[in-house]
Amino acid sequence: MQSIQAFGEDVITQMCERLLEGGAPGLHFYTLNQAEPSLAVWNNLQLPR
C-alpha cells in the first residue's frame, strides 16, 4: 500500500508542477481528513507553508 501512495504522490506532484508552470495562481487541496499525503506533495513541491 505504501508504494501505491508514493506513486500517487509523485503523479500529483508532477501535475501540480505543470499547473504552476502553466501559470496557475495557486493550488488548493481537499484532504478529506488525510493531511499527510497532501503535506507530502506540498513538501515535494518545496513551497513555503
N, C-alpha and C. Protein backbone atom coordinates (compact mmCIF):
# COMPACT_ATOMS: atom_id res chain seq x y z
N MET A 1 0.82 -1.20 0.00
CA MET A 1 0.00 0.00 0.00
C MET A 1 0.86 1.26 0.00
N GLN A 2 1.99 1.20 0.67
CA GLN A 2 2.87 2.37 0.76
C GLN A 2 3.41 2.76 -0.61
N SER A 3 3.72 1.77 -1.46
CA SER A 3 4.25 2.09 -2.78
C SER A 3 3.17 2.72 -3.66
N ILE A 4 1.92 2.34 -3.48
CA ILE A 4 0.83 2.96 -4.23
C ILE A 4 0.68 4.42 -3.82
N GLN A 5 0.76 4.69 -2.53
CA GLN A 5 0.66 6.07 -2.05
C GLN A 5 1.83 6.90 -2.58
N ALA A 6 3.03 6.35 -2.56
CA ALA A 6 4.20 7.07 -3.06
C ALA A 6 4.05 7.37 -4.55
N PHE A 7 3.53 6.41 -5.31
CA PHE A 7 3.29 6.61 -6.73
C PHE A 7 2.29 7.75 -6.94
N GLY A 8 1.20 7.72 -6.19
CA GLY A 8 0.19 8.77 -6.29
C GLY A 8 0.74 10.13 -5.95
N GLU A 9 1.56 10.20 -4.91
CA GLU A 9 2.18 11.47 -4.53
C GLU A 9 3.07 12.00 -5.64
N ASP A 10 3.81 11.11 -6.30
CA ASP A 10 4.67 11.53 -7.41
C ASP A 10 3.84 12.05 -8.58
N VAL A 11 2.76 11.35 -8.91
CA VAL A 11 1.90 11.78 -10.02
C VAL A 11 1.28 13.14 -9.73
N ILE A 12 0.75 13.31 -8.53
CA ILE A 12 0.11 14.58 -8.16
C ILE A 12 1.14 15.70 -8.10
N THR A 13 2.35 15.40 -7.61
CA THR A 13 3.41 16.41 -7.59
C THR A 13 3.70 16.89 -9.00
N GLN A 14 3.82 15.97 -9.95
CA GLN A 14 4.09 16.34 -11.34
C GLN A 14 2.95 17.17 -11.92
N MET A 15 1.71 16.80 -11.60
CA MET A 15 0.56 17.57 -12.08
C MET A 15 0.58 18.99 -11.53
N CYS A 16 0.89 19.11 -10.25
CA CYS A 16 0.95 20.44 -9.62
C CYS A 16 2.06 21.28 -10.22
N GLU A 17 3.20 20.67 -10.48
CA GLU A 17 4.31 21.39 -11.11
C GLU A 17 3.88 21.94 -12.46
N ARG A 18 3.19 21.13 -13.24
CA ARG A 18 2.73 21.57 -14.56
C ARG A 18 1.72 22.71 -14.44
N LEU A 19 0.83 22.61 -13.46
CA LEU A 19 -0.15 23.68 -13.25
C LEU A 19 0.54 24.99 -12.90
N LEU A 20 1.49 24.93 -11.98
CA LEU A 20 2.20 26.14 -11.57
C LEU A 20 3.03 26.72 -12.71
N GLU A 21 3.70 25.84 -13.46
CA GLU A 21 4.49 26.30 -14.60
C GLU A 21 3.61 26.91 -15.68
N GLY A 22 2.37 26.43 -15.77
CA GLY A 22 1.43 26.93 -16.76
C GLY A 22 0.74 28.23 -16.34
N GLY A 23 1.05 28.71 -15.15
CA GLY A 23 0.53 29.99 -14.73
C GLY A 23 -0.59 29.94 -13.71
N ALA A 24 -0.87 28.78 -13.16
CA ALA A 24 -1.89 28.71 -12.11
C ALA A 24 -1.48 29.61 -10.95
N PRO A 25 -2.41 30.42 -10.45
CA PRO A 25 -2.05 31.35 -9.38
C PRO A 25 -1.85 30.68 -8.03
N GLY A 26 -2.27 29.45 -7.89
CA GLY A 26 -2.11 28.74 -6.62
C GLY A 26 -2.71 27.35 -6.72
N LEU A 27 -2.65 26.65 -5.62
CA LEU A 27 -3.18 25.28 -5.54
C LEU A 27 -4.10 25.17 -4.33
N HIS A 28 -5.09 24.32 -4.44
CA HIS A 28 -5.99 24.06 -3.31
C HIS A 28 -6.15 22.56 -3.20
N PHE A 29 -5.91 22.04 -2.01
CA PHE A 29 -6.01 20.60 -1.77
C PHE A 29 -7.20 20.30 -0.87
N TYR A 30 -7.99 19.32 -1.24
CA TYR A 30 -9.04 18.78 -0.37
C TYR A 30 -8.46 17.54 0.28
N THR A 31 -8.23 17.58 1.57
CA THR A 31 -7.52 16.49 2.24
C THR A 31 -8.43 15.36 2.68
N LEU A 32 -9.72 15.62 2.82
CA LEU A 32 -10.66 14.59 3.27
C LEU A 32 -10.17 13.91 4.54
N ASN A 33 -9.70 14.75 5.48
CA ASN A 33 -9.21 14.29 6.79
C ASN A 33 -7.97 13.40 6.70
N GLN A 34 -7.23 13.50 5.59
CA GLN A 34 -5.97 12.76 5.45
C GLN A 34 -4.91 13.76 4.97
N ALA A 35 -4.40 14.52 5.89
CA ALA A 35 -3.48 15.61 5.54
C ALA A 35 -2.10 15.13 5.10
N GLU A 36 -1.67 13.98 5.56
CA GLU A 36 -0.29 13.54 5.28
C GLU A 36 0.04 13.45 3.79
N PRO A 37 -0.79 12.84 2.94
CA PRO A 37 -0.45 12.81 1.51
C PRO A 37 -0.35 14.21 0.90
N SER A 38 -1.25 15.11 1.31
CA SER A 38 -1.19 16.48 0.79
C SER A 38 0.07 17.19 1.26
N LEU A 39 0.45 16.98 2.50
CA LEU A 39 1.68 17.59 3.01
C LEU A 39 2.90 17.03 2.28
N ALA A 40 2.87 15.76 1.94
CA ALA A 40 3.99 15.15 1.20
C ALA A 40 4.12 15.81 -0.17
N VAL A 41 3.00 16.01 -0.86
CA VAL A 41 3.03 16.68 -2.17
C VAL A 41 3.55 18.10 -2.00
N TRP A 42 3.05 18.81 -1.00
CA TRP A 42 3.48 20.19 -0.75
C TRP A 42 4.99 20.25 -0.51
N ASN A 43 5.49 19.31 0.29
CA ASN A 43 6.93 19.26 0.56
C ASN A 43 7.71 18.92 -0.71
N ASN A 44 7.18 18.03 -1.54
CA ASN A 44 7.83 17.69 -2.81
C ASN A 44 7.96 18.92 -3.70
N LEU A 45 6.96 19.78 -3.65
CA LEU A 45 6.97 20.99 -4.47
C LEU A 45 7.90 22.06 -3.90
N GLN A 46 8.35 21.87 -2.67
CA GLN A 46 9.24 22.79 -1.98
C GLN A 46 8.66 24.21 -1.91
N LEU A 47 7.38 24.27 -1.56
CA LEU A 47 6.69 25.55 -1.41
C LEU A 47 6.66 25.93 0.06
N PRO A 48 6.61 27.23 0.35
CA PRO A 48 6.53 27.64 1.76
C PRO A 48 5.17 27.30 2.35
N ARG A 49 5.14 27.06 3.64
CA ARG A 49 3.87 26.77 4.32
C ARG A 49 3.21 28.04 4.75
